[in-house]
Amino acid sequence: MVNEKQFISAQGPIQRTIGDFWRLIDEQSCQVIVMLTGIEEQGRIKCAQYWSDDQPTDVTAHLRVTLASRRDYSDYVIRRFTLQNLDTGIVRDVLHFHFIAWRDFLAPEQPSWLLRFIKRVNEHHCPDRGPILVSVLFVNLCRFIYNTFLCFFITKGALLSWGRSDWHLHRHRQSHSTD
């Protein structure tokens, strides 16, 4: 269905796969990237930084990525890239939502941070802009399963709320819904 959100889950690239990562974004016409992993944690590189903070970068012989803007929040960063296909001349914006408050093997300190982040992503996504690319670390299987679960319920209109000690999932029902 055209109005449903679509997601692509991809492992955060390593240095030698940065070009493949951006080629996927270009080929699938993704205009939103959600990054749920850090670049480095506990002194170890987890994911290559697949953008340059200061200059346009030719990530392949055919694709150039430029950081157009950056806005820092307490628990996430929003970047806007321009992705230029050097063969066709097509240039488009790609929004990059980077959740920085989630460390490996731990839950975010405040669930409200994650909910606010999800809300911000949803505010900037339109189904006609291609699928949302979710960048995770597959080595942390629990996180991947949780993110897949979360993405499924976001697409189905579910509402997450924080209880005293548990996550509670409440199905959001619209009084005029016919499904």
Foldseek 3Di string as FASTA:
>chain_A
DLQFAAEAEDAAAAPVCLLVVVVVCVVQLAQEEEEEADCDDPRHGRHDPSADPPDWDDSDPFKIKDWPDWDDDPFWIKTWIWIAGNVVRDIDIHIYIYGRQCHPPDGRPDVVSVVVSVVVRVVPDGSVSGHYYYYDHVVRVVVVVVVVVVSVCVRQQWDWDDDPDDIDIDRDDDPPDDD
